[in-house]
């Protein structure tokens, strides 16, 4: 499951993550660690793929923060939550700051 959150806040990302866990029965307590990745926009999917591969051995929460593009406009935040098959053996939160 992929949940896109354009023009959002960190509080909304947290609320949607909790809601998705409650609705889908995802268990967050078995996570070994939280893995934080900072990557350029063009490296985002490659970083997520590598982290998902690692999560099959060590279940983890993955938080990806992409580097804002130089001309990305007004300050803001877009996010994406990936759970289930779209997140390997983990949950993935992608944060895309703008501006």
PDB file of N, CA and C in Angstrom:
ATOM      1  N   UNK A   1       0.841  -1.159   0.000  1.00  0.00           N
ATOM      2  CA  UNK A   1       0.000   0.000   0.000  1.00  0.00           C
ATOM      3  C   UNK A   1       0.898   1.238   0.000  1.00  0.00           C
ATOM      4  N   UNK A   2       0.569   2.181  -0.865  1.00  0.00           N
ATOM      5  CA  UNK A   2       1.285   3.453  -0.913  1.00  0.00           C
ATOM      6  C   UNK A   2       0.292   4.567  -0.654  1.00  0.00           C
ATOM      7  N   UNK A   3       0.612   5.408   0.311  1.00  0.00           N
ATOM      8  CA  UNK A   3      -0.229   6.556   0.652  1.00  0.00           C
ATOM      9  C   UNK A   3       0.554   7.811   0.307  1.00  0.00           C
ATOM     10  N   UNK A   4       0.070   8.576  -0.669  1.00  0.00           N
ATOM     11  CA  UNK A   4       0.715   9.831  -1.049  1.00  0.00           C
ATOM     12  C   UNK A   4       0.111  10.975  -0.251  1.00  0.00           C
ATOM     13  N   UNK A   5       0.977  11.835   0.254  1.00  0.00           N
ATOM     14  CA  UNK A   5       0.548  12.986   1.046  1.00  0.00           C
ATOM     15  C   UNK A   5       1.200  14.257   0.490  1.00  0.00           C
ATOM     16  N   UNK A   6       0.620  14.842  -0.564  1.00  0.00           N
ATOM     17  CA  UNK A   6       1.181  16.091  -1.094  1.00  0.00           C
ATOM     18  C   UNK A   6       0.854  17.258  -0.169  1.00  0.00           C
ATOM     19  N   UNK A   7       1.732  18.232  -0.120  1.00  0.00           N
ATOM     20  CA  UNK A   7       1.524  19.447   0.682  1.00  0.00           C
ATOM     21  C   UNK A   7       0.990  19.101   2.068  1.00  0.00           C
ATOM     22  N   UNK A   8       1.832  18.481   2.878  1.00  0.00           N
ATOM     23  CA  UNK A   8       1.405  17.944   4.166  1.00  0.00           C
ATOM     24  C   UNK A   8       2.270  18.490   5.298  1.00  0.00           C
ATOM     25  N   UNK A   9       2.066  17.950   6.478  1.00  0.00           N
ATOM     26  CA  UNK A   9       2.868  18.285   7.652  1.00  0.00           C
ATOM     27  C   UNK A   9       3.359  16.985   8.283  1.00  0.00           C
ATOM     28  N   UNK A  10       4.345  17.088   9.154  1.00  0.00           N
ATOM     29  CA  UNK A  10       4.847  15.905   9.851  1.00  0.00           C
ATOM     30  C   UNK A  10       3.752  15.325  10.749  1.00  0.00           C
ATOM     31  N   UNK A  11       2.940  16.183  11.347  1.00  0.00           N
ATOM     32  CA  UNK A  11       1.837  15.706  12.189  1.00  0.00           C
ATOM     33  C   UNK A  11       0.844  14.878  11.372  1.00  0.00           C
ATOM     34  N   UNK A  12       0.548  15.301  10.149  1.00  0.00           N
ATOM     35  CA  UNK A  12      -0.370  14.548   9.291  1.00  0.00           C
ATOM     36  C   UNK A  12       0.251  13.219   8.872  1.00  0.00           C
ATOM     37  N   UNK A  13       1.534  13.208   8.580  1.00  0.00           N
ATOM     38  CA  UNK A  13       2.220  11.955   8.228  1.00  0.00           C
ATOM     39  C   UNK A  13       2.099  10.977   9.395  1.00  0.00           C
ATOM     40  N   UNK A  14       2.344  11.440  10.594  1.00  0.00           N
ATOM     41  CA  UNK A  14       2.249  10.589  11.782  1.00  0.00           C
ATOM     42  C   UNK A  14       0.823  10.070  11.964  1.00  0.00           C
ATOM     43  N   UNK A  15      -0.164  10.937  11.807  1.00  0.00           N
ATOM     44  CA  UNK A  15      -1.564  10.533  11.963  1.00  0.00           C
ATOM     45  C   UNK A  15      -1.940   9.450  10.948  1.00  0.00           C
ATOM     46  N   UNK A  16      -1.533   9.634   9.697  1.00  0.00           N
ATOM     47  CA  UNK A  16      -1.859   8.658   8.647  1.00  0.00           C
ATOM     48  C   UNK A  16      -1.117   7.338   8.859  1.00  0.00           C
ATOM     49  N   UNK A  17       0.098   7.405   9.367  1.00  0.00           N
ATOM     50  CA  UNK A  17       0.861   6.189   9.644  1.00  0.00           C
ATOM     51  C   UNK A  17       0.180   5.375  10.740  1.00  0.00           C
ATOM     52  N   UNK A  18      -0.232   6.035  11.800  1.00  0.00           N
ATOM     53  CA  UNK A  18      -0.935   5.353  12.899  1.00  0.00           C
ATOM     54  C   UNK A  18      -2.252   4.774  12.402  1.00  0.00           C
ATOM     55  N   UNK A  19      -2.983   5.536  11.616  1.00  0.00           N
ATOM     56  CA  UNK A  19      -4.255   5.083  11.066  1.00  0.00           C
ATOM     57  C   UNK A  19      -4.066   3.856  10.176  1.00  0.00           C
ATOM     58  N   UNK A  20      -3.061   3.876   9.317  1.00  0.00           N
ATOM     59  CA  UNK A  20      -2.791   2.741   8.428  1.00  0.00           C
ATOM     60  C   UNK A  20      -2.416   1.500   9.227  1.00  0.00           C
ATOM     61  N   UNK A  21      -1.654   1.672  10.297  1.00  0.00           N
ATOM     62  CA  UNK A  21      -1.290   0.531  11.147  1.00  0.00           C
ATOM     63  C   UNK A  21      -2.531  -0.072  11.787  1.00  0.00           C
ATOM     64  N   UNK A  22      -3.422   0.791  12.299  1.00  0.00           N
ATOM     65  CA  UNK A  22      -4.630   0.304  12.963  1.00  0.00           C
ATOM     66  C   UNK A  22      -5.559  -0.396  11.983  1.00  0.00           C
ATOM     67  N   UNK A  23      -5.717   0.157  10.783  1.00  0.00           N
ATOM     68  CA  UNK A  23      -6.620  -0.420   9.784  1.00  0.00           C
ATOM     69  C   UNK A  23      -6.066  -1.716   9.207  1.00  0.00           C
ATOM     70  N   UNK A  24      -4.758  -1.729   8.945  1.00  0.00           N
ATOM     71  CA  UNK A  24      -4.159  -2.887   8.296  1.00  0.00           C
ATOM     72  C   UNK A  24      -3.578  -3.910   9.237  1.00  0.00           C
ATOM     73  N   UNK A  25      -3.537  -3.599  10.501  1.00  0.00           N
ATOM     74  CA  UNK A  25      -2.981  -4.533  11.466  1.00  0.00           C
ATOM     75  C   UNK A  25      -1.465  -4.646  11.403  1.00  0.00           C
ATOM     76  N   UNK A  26      -0.799  -3.639  10.832  1.00  0.00           N
ATOM     77  CA  UNK A  26       0.665  -3.670  10.766  1.00  0.00           C
ATOM     78  C   UNK A  26       1.246  -3.568  12.167  1.00  0.00           C
ATOM     79  N   UNK A  27       2.253  -4.354  12.426  1.00  0.00           N
ATOM     80  CA  UNK A  27       2.882  -4.363  13.742  1.00  0.00           C
ATOM     81  C   UNK A  27       4.201  -3.612  13.668  1.00  0.00           C
ATOM     82  N   UNK A  28       4.344  -2.567  14.472  1.00  0.00           N
ATOM     83  CA  UNK A  28       5.575  -1.785  14.469  1.00  0.00           C
ATOM     84  C   UNK A  28       6.509  -2.199  15.594  1.00  0.00           C
ATOM     85  N   UNK A  29       6.030  -3.006  16.538  1.00  0.00           N
ATOM     86  CA  UNK A  29       6.841  -3.330  17.704  1.00  0.00           C
ATOM     87  C   UNK A  29       7.982  -4.283  17.391  1.00  0.00           C
ATOM     88  N   UNK A  30       7.914  -5.030  16.304  1.00  0.00           N
ATOM     89  CA  UNK A  30       8.943  -5.994  15.983  1.00  0.00           C
ATOM     90  C   UNK A  30      10.108  -5.408  15.198  1.00  0.00           C
ATOM     91  N   UNK A  31      10.131  -4.117  15.013  1.00  0.00           N
ATOM     92  CA  UNK A  31      11.199  -3.482  14.245  1.00  0.00           C
ATOM     93  C   UNK A  31      12.492  -3.483  15.049  1.00  0.00           C
ATOM     94  N   UNK A  32      13.572  -3.836  14.384  1.00  0.00           N
ATOM     95  CA  UNK A  32      14.870  -3.877  15.039  1.00  0.00           C
ATOM     96  C   UNK A  32      15.443  -2.466  15.199  1.00  0.00           C
ATOM     97  N   UNK A  33      15.225  -1.637  14.189  1.00  0.00           N
ATOM     98  CA  UNK A  33      15.799  -0.296  14.223  1.00  0.00           C
ATOM     99  C   UNK A  33      15.043   0.641  13.306  1.00  0.00           C
ATOM    100  N   UNK A  34      15.361   1.915  13.403  1.00  0.00           N
ATOM    101  CA  UNK A  34      14.891   2.921  12.459  1.00  0.00           C
ATOM    102  C   UNK A  34      16.094   3.336  11.634  1.00  0.00           C
ATOM    103  N   UNK A  35      15.967   3.197  10.326  1.00  0.00           N
ATOM    104  CA  UNK A  35      17.064   3.472   9.402  1.00  0.00           C
ATOM    105  C   UNK A  35      16.754   4.780   8.688  1.00  0.00           C
ATOM    106  N   UNK A  36      17.610   5.764   8.853  1.00  0.00           N
ATOM    107  CA  UNK A  36      17.424   7.088   8.259  1.00  0.00           C
ATOM    108  C   UNK A  36      18.331   7.231   7.046  1.00  0.00           C
ATOM    109  N   UNK A  37      17.738   7.636   5.920  1.00  0.00           N
ATOM    110  CA  UNK A  37      18.484   7.809   4.668  1.00  0.00           C
ATOM    111  C   UNK A  37      18.275   9.236   4.176  1.00  0.00           C
ATOM    112  N   UNK A  38      19.354   9.921   3.829  1.00  0.00           N
ATOM    113  CA  UNK A  38      19.293  11.232   3.190  1.00  0.00           C
ATOM    114  C   UNK A  38      19.870  11.064   1.797  1.00  0.00           C
ATOM    115  N   UNK A  39      19.087  11.386   0.768  1.00  0.00           N
ATOM    116  CA  UNK A  39      19.505  11.096  -0.596  1.00  0.00           C
ATOM    117  C   UNK A  39      19.059  12.198  -1.555  1.00  0.00           C
ATOM    118  N   UNK A  40      19.779  12.368  -2.647  1.00  0.00           N
ATOM    119  CA  UNK A  40      19.291  13.272  -3.695  1.00  0.00           C
ATOM    120  C   UNK A  40      18.011  12.689  -4.315  1.00  0.00           C
ATOM    121  N   UNK A  41      17.212  13.541  -4.958  1.00  0.00           N
ATOM    122  CA  UNK A  41      15.965  13.090  -5.589  1.00  0.00           C
ATOM    123  C   UNK A  41      16.176  11.899  -6.513  1.00  0.00           C
ATOM    124  N   UNK A  42      17.218  11.958  -7.319  1.00  0.00           N
ATOM    125  CA  UNK A  42      17.409  10.906  -8.312  1.00  0.00           C
ATOM    126  C   UNK A  42      17.925   9.593  -7.716  1.00  0.00           C
ATOM    127  N   UNK A  43      18.275   9.564  -6.441  1.00  0.00           N
ATOM    128  CA  UNK A  43      18.745   8.342  -5.795  1.00  0.00           C
ATOM    129  C   UNK A  43      17.732   7.721  -4.861  1.00  0.00           C
ATOM    130  N   UNK A  44      16.551   8.303  -4.794  1.00  0.00           N
ATOM    131  CA  UNK A  44      15.535   7.881  -3.831  1.00  0.00           C
ATOM    132  C   UNK A  44      15.130   6.408  -3.992  1.00  0.00           C
ATOM    133  N   UNK A  45      14.723   5.995  -5.175  1.00  0.00           N
ATOM    134  CA  UNK A  45      14.236   4.626  -5.367  1.00  0.00           C
ATOM    135  C   UNK A  45      15.345   3.594  -5.163  1.00  0.00           C
ATOM    136  N   UNK A  46      16.556   3.911  -5.583  1.00  0.00           N
ATOM    137  CA  UNK A  46      17.675   2.992  -5.387  1.00  0.00           C
ATOM    138  C   UNK A  46      17.958   2.803  -3.896  1.00  0.00           C
ATOM    139  N   UNK A  47      17.924   3.887  -3.126  1.00  0.00           N
ATOM    140  CA  UNK A  47      18.154   3.803  -1.680  1.00  0.00           C
ATOM    141  C   UNK A  47      17.053   2.997  -0.996  1.00  0.00           C
ATOM    142  N   UNK A  48      15.810   3.227  -1.396  1.00  0.00           N
ATOM    143  CA  UNK A  48      14.691   2.490  -0.807  1.00  0.00           C
ATOM    144  C   UNK A  48      14.797   1.011  -1.129  1.00  0.00           C
ATOM    145  N   UNK A  49      15.140   0.688  -2.346  1.00  0.00           N
ATOM    146  CA  UNK A  49      15.280  -0.707  -2.750  1.00  0.00           C
ATOM    147  C   UNK A  49      16.356  -1.421  -1.930  1.00  0.00           C
ATOM    148  N   UNK A  50      17.498  -0.771  -1.753  1.00  0.00           N
ATOM    149  CA  UNK A  50      18.586  -1.373  -0.965  1.00  0.00           C
ATOM    150  C   UNK A  50      18.165  -1.566   0.490  1.00  0.00           C
ATOM    151  N   UNK A  51      17.480  -0.568   1.045  1.00  0.00           N
ATOM    152  CA  UNK A  51      17.030  -0.672   2.440  1.00  0.00           C
ATOM    153  C   UNK A  51      15.966  -1.763   2.583  1.00  0.00           C
ATOM    154  N   UNK A  52      15.067  -1.882   1.608  1.00  0.00           N
ATOM    155  CA  UNK A  52      14.062  -2.950   1.644  1.00  0.00           C
ATOM    156  C   UNK A  52      14.717  -4.324   1.620  1.00  0.00           C
ATOM    157  N   UNK A  53      15.768  -4.471   0.821  1.00  0.00           N
ATOM    158  CA  UNK A  53      16.499  -5.740   0.792  1.00  0.00           C
ATOM    159  C   UNK A  53      17.079  -6.061   2.167  1.00  0.00           C
ATOM    160  N   UNK A  54      17.660  -5.062   2.808  1.00  0.00           N
ATOM    161  CA  UNK A  54      18.240  -5.259   4.143  1.00  0.00           C
ATOM    162  C   UNK A  54      17.160  -5.566   5.176  1.00  0.00           C
ATOM    163  N   UNK A  55      15.960  -5.023   4.978  1.00  0.00           N
ATOM    164  CA  UNK A  55      14.890  -5.225   5.958  1.00  0.00           C
ATOM    165  C   UNK A  55      14.388  -6.658   5.995  1.00  0.00           C
ATOM    166  N   UNK A  56      14.674  -7.449   4.966  1.00  0.00           N
ATOM    167  CA  UNK A  56      14.268  -8.854   5.010  1.00  0.00           C
ATOM    168  C   UNK A  56      15.068  -9.628   6.057  1.00  0.00           C
ATOM    169  N   UNK A  57      16.268  -9.162   6.347  1.00  0.00           N
ATOM    170  CA  UNK A  57      17.109  -9.770   7.389  1.00  0.00           C
ATOM    171  C   UNK A  57      16.892  -9.111   8.754  1.00  0.00           C
ATOM    172  N   UNK A  58      16.646  -7.819   8.744  1.00  0.00           N
ATOM    173  CA  UNK A  58      16.512  -7.032   9.978  1.00  0.00           C
ATOM    174  C   UNK A  58      15.323  -6.098   9.825  1.00  0.00           C
ATOM    175  N   UNK A  59      14.125  -6.510  10.248  1.00  0.00           N
ATOM    176  CA  UNK A  59      12.950  -5.648  10.088  1.00  0.00           C
ATOM    177  C   UNK A  59      13.207  -4.264  10.684  1.00  0.00           C
ATOM    178  N   UNK A  60      12.853  -3.241   9.918  1.00  0.00           N
ATOM    179  CA  UNK A  60      13.161  -1.879  10.346  1.00  0.00           C
ATOM    180  C   UNK A  60      12.134  -0.901   9.812  1.00  0.00           C
ATOM    181  N   UNK A  61      12.109   0.233  10.419  1.00  0.00           N
ATOM    182  CA  UNK A  61      11.368   1.375   9.900  1.00  0.00           C
ATOM    183  C   UNK A  61      12.373   2.176   9.090  1.00  0.00           C
ATOM    184  N   UNK A  62      12.011   2.536   7.874  1.00  0.00           N
ATOM    185  CA  UNK A  62      12.906   3.289   7.002  1.00  0.00           C
ATOM    186  C   UNK A  62      12.334   4.687   6.810  1.00  0.00           C
ATOM    187  N   UNK A  63      13.126   5.690   7.112  1.00  0.00           N
ATOM    188  CA  UNK A  63      12.741   7.081   6.891  1.00  0.00           C
ATOM    189  C   UNK A  63      13.708   7.645   5.860  1.00  0.00           C
ATOM    190  N   UNK A  64      13.159   8.072   4.719  1.00  0.00           N
ATOM    191  CA  UNK A  64      13.966   8.612   3.630  1.00  0.00           C
ATOM    192  C   UNK A  64      13.671  10.102   3.515  1.00  0.00           C
ATOM    193  N   UNK A  65      14.713  10.907   3.567  1.00  0.00           N
ATOM    194  CA  UNK A  65      14.581  12.352   3.366  1.00  0.00           C
ATOM    195  C   UNK A  65      15.331  12.685   2.089  1.00  0.00           C
ATOM    196  N   UNK A  66      14.617  13.249   1.120  1.00  0.00           N
ATOM    197  CA  UNK A  66      15.272  13.602  -0.134  1.00  0.00           C
ATOM    198  C   UNK A  66      15.767  15.042  -0.057  1.00  0.00           C
ATOM    199  N   UNK A  67      16.895  15.255  -0.683  1.00  0.00           N
ATOM    200  CA  UNK A  67      17.484  16.595  -0.741  1.00  0.00           C
ATOM    201  C   UNK A  67      16.583  17.487  -1.591  1.00  0.00           C
ATOM    202  N   UNK A  68      16.211  18.669  -1.085  1.00  0.00           N
ATOM    203  CA  UNK A  68      15.366  19.565  -1.881  1.00  0.00           C
ATOM    204  C   UNK A  68      16.093  19.998  -3.154  1.00  0.00           C
ATOM    205  N   UNK A  69      15.329  20.111  -4.232  1.00  0.00           N
ATOM    206  CA  UNK A  69      15.901  20.614  -5.463  1.00  0.00           C
ATOM    207  C   UNK A  69      16.116  22.118  -5.317  1.00  0.00           C
ATOM    208  N   UNK A  70      17.130  22.643  -5.987  1.00  0.00           N
ATOM    209  CA  UNK A  70      17.511  24.042  -5.830  1.00  0.00           C
ATOM    210  C   UNK A  70      16.374  25.000  -6.160  1.00  0.00           C
ATOM    211  N   UNK A  71      15.579  24.697  -7.160  1.00  0.00           N
ATOM    212  CA  UNK A  71      14.516  25.604  -7.585  1.00  0.00           C
ATOM    213  C   UNK A  71      13.135  25.035  -7.273  1.00  0.00           C
ATOM    214  N   UNK A  72      12.968  24.483  -6.067  1.00  0.00           N
ATOM    215  CA  UNK A  72      11.735  23.770  -5.747  1.00  0.00           C
ATOM    216  C   UNK A  72      10.602  24.679  -5.276  1.00  0.00           C
ATOM    217  N   UNK A  73      10.762  25.991  -5.307  1.00  0.00           N
ATOM    218  CA  UNK A  73       9.653  26.892  -4.995  1.00  0.00           C
ATOM    219  C   UNK A  73       9.487  27.182  -3.522  1.00  0.00           C
ATOM    220  N   UNK A  74       8.235  27.361  -3.124  1.00  0.00           N
ATOM    221  CA  UNK A  74       7.902  27.746  -1.749  1.00  0.00           C
ATOM    222  C   UNK A  74       8.178  26.600  -0.778  1.00  0.00           C
ATOM    223  N   UNK A  75       8.497  26.938   0.474  1.00  0.00           N
ATOM    224  CA  UNK A  75       8.740  25.902   1.476  1.00  0.00           C
ATOM    225  C   UNK A  75       7.500  25.028   1.691  1.00  0.00           C
ATOM    226  N   UNK A  76       7.738  23.774   1.880  1.00  0.00           N
ATOM    227  CA  UNK A  76       6.638  22.847   2.132  1.00  0.00           C
ATOM    228  C   UNK A  76       7.162  21.429   2.282  1.00  0.00           C
ATOM    229  N   UNK A  77       6.235  20.497   2.381  1.00  0.00           N
ATOM    230  CA  UNK A  77       6.601  19.100   2.560  1.00  0.00           C
ATOM    231  C   UNK A  77       5.597  18.210   1.839  1.00  0.00           C
ATOM    232  N   UNK A  78       6.105  17.279   1.064  1.00  0.00           N
ATOM    233  CA  UNK A  78       5.308  16.203   0.490  1.00  0.00           C
ATOM    234  C   UNK A  78       5.858  14.918   1.089  1.00  0.00           C
ATOM    235  N   UNK A  79       4.996  13.927   1.237  1.00  0.00           N
ATOM    236  CA  UNK A  79       5.428  12.673   1.852  1.00  0.00           C
ATOM    237  C   UNK A  79       4.740  11.498   1.202  1.00  0.00           C
ATOM    238  N   UNK A  80       5.278  10.330   1.486  1.00  0.00           N
ATOM    239  CA  UNK A  80       4.702   9.085   1.009  1.00  0.00           C
ATOM    240  C   UNK A  80       4.943   8.028   2.080  1.00  0.00           C
ATOM    241  N   UNK A  81       3.926   7.236   2.345  1.00  0.00           N
ATOM    242  CA  UNK A  81       4.031   6.130   3.289  1.00  0.00           C
ATOM    243  C   UNK A  81       3.873   4.841   2.495  1.00  0.00           C
ATOM    244  N   UNK A  82       4.798   3.902   2.682  1.00  0.00           N
ATOM    245  CA  UNK A  82       4.729   2.601   1.992  1.00  0.00           C
ATOM    246  C   UNK A  82       4.654   1.512   3.047  1.00  0.00           C
ATOM    247  N   UNK A  83       3.653   0.673   2.920  1.00  0.00           N
ATOM    248  CA  UNK A  83       3.447  -0.430   3.859  1.00  0.00           C
ATOM    249  C   UNK A  83       3.194  -1.711   3.075  1.00  0.00           C
ATOM    250  N   UNK A  84       3.337  -2.828   3.730  1.00  0.00           N
ATOM    251  CA  UNK A  84       3.040  -4.110   3.090  1.00  0.00           C
ATOM    252  C   UNK A  84       4.038  -4.443   2.000  1.00  0.00           C
ATOM    253  N   UNK A  85       3.556  -4.966   0.894  1.00  0.00           N
ATOM    254  CA  UNK A  85       4.414  -5.399  -0.205  1.00  0.00           C
ATOM    255  C   UNK A  85       5.244  -4.284  -0.807  1.00  0.00           C
ATOM    256  N   UNK A  86       4.779  -3.048  -0.682  1.00  0.00           N
ATOM    257  CA  UNK A  86       5.523  -1.905  -1.219  1.00  0.00           C
ATOM    258  C   UNK A  86       6.648  -1.460  -0.297  1.00  0.00           C
ATOM    259  N   UNK A  87       6.786  -2.116   0.847  1.00  0.00           N
ATOM    260  CA  UNK A  87       7.810  -1.720   1.811  1.00  0.00           C
ATOM    261  C   UNK A  87       8.689  -2.882   2.243  1.00  0.00           C
ATOM    262  N   UNK A  88       8.685  -3.966   1.514  1.00  0.00           N
ATOM    263  CA  UNK A  88       9.497  -5.109   1.919  1.00  0.00           C
ATOM    264  C   UNK A  88       9.032  -5.622   3.275  1.00  0.00           C
ATOM    265  N   UNK A  89       9.954  -5.858   4.176  1.00  0.00           N
ATOM    266  CA  UNK A  89       9.619  -6.334   5.519  1.00  0.00           C
ATOM    267  C   UNK A  89       9.610  -5.183   6.507  1.00  0.00           C
ATOM    268  N   UNK A  90       9.284  -4.001   6.035  1.00  0.00           N
ATOM    269  CA  UNK A  90       9.382  -2.825   6.893  1.00  0.00           C
ATOM    270  C   UNK A  90       8.257  -1.866   6.577  1.00  0.00           C
ATOM    271  N   UNK A  91       8.336  -0.679   7.148  1.00  0.00           N
ATOM    272  CA  UNK A  91       7.490   0.426   6.738  1.00  0.00           C
ATOM    273  C   UNK A  91       8.427   1.529   6.280  1.00  0.00           C
ATOM    274  N   UNK A  92       8.031   2.205   5.223  1.00  0.00           N
ATOM    275  CA  UNK A  92       8.875   3.244   4.637  1.00  0.00           C
ATOM    276  C   UNK A  92       8.118   4.556   4.660  1.00  0.00           C
ATOM    277  N   UNK A  93       8.776   5.592   5.170  1.00  0.00           N
ATOM    278  CA  UNK A  93       8.229   6.948   5.139  1.00  0.00           C
ATOM    279  C   UNK A  93       9.206   7.785   4.327  1.00  0.00           C
ATOM    280  N   UNK A  94       8.714   8.362   3.234  1.00  0.00           N
ATOM    281  CA  UNK A  94       9.535   9.206   2.376  1.00  0.00           C
ATOM    282  C   UNK A  94       9.123  10.650   2.589  1.00  0.00           C
ATOM    283  N   UNK A  95      10.063  11.491   3.000  1.00  0.00           N
ATOM    284  CA  UNK A  95       9.808  12.916   3.216  1.00  0.00           C
ATOM    285  C   UNK A  95      10.519  13.704   2.133  1.00  0.00           C
ATOM    286  N   UNK A  96       9.766  14.562   1.444  1.00  0.00           N
ATOM    287  CA  UNK A  96      10.329  15.361   0.365  1.00  0.00           C
ATOM    288  C   UNK A  96      10.137  16.835   0.677  1.00  0.00           C
ATOM    289  N   UNK A  97      11.114  17.444   1.368  1.00  0.00           N
ATOM    290  CA  UNK A  97      11.005  18.873   1.663  1.00  0.00           C
ATOM    291  C   UNK A  97      11.153  19.687   0.387  1.00  0.00           C
ATOM    292  N   UNK A  98      10.507  20.830   0.361  1.00  0.00           N
ATOM    293  CA  UNK A  98      10.556  21.719  -0.796  1.00  0.00           C
ATOM    294  C   UNK A  98      10.936  23.116  -0.328  1.00  0.00           C
ATOM    295  N   UNK A  99      11.524  23.855  -1.234  1.00  0.00           N
ATOM    296  CA  UNK A  99      11.838  25.256  -0.931  1.00  0.00           C
ATOM    297  C   UNK A  99      13.104  25.460  -0.150  1.00  0.00           C
TER     298      UNK A  99
END
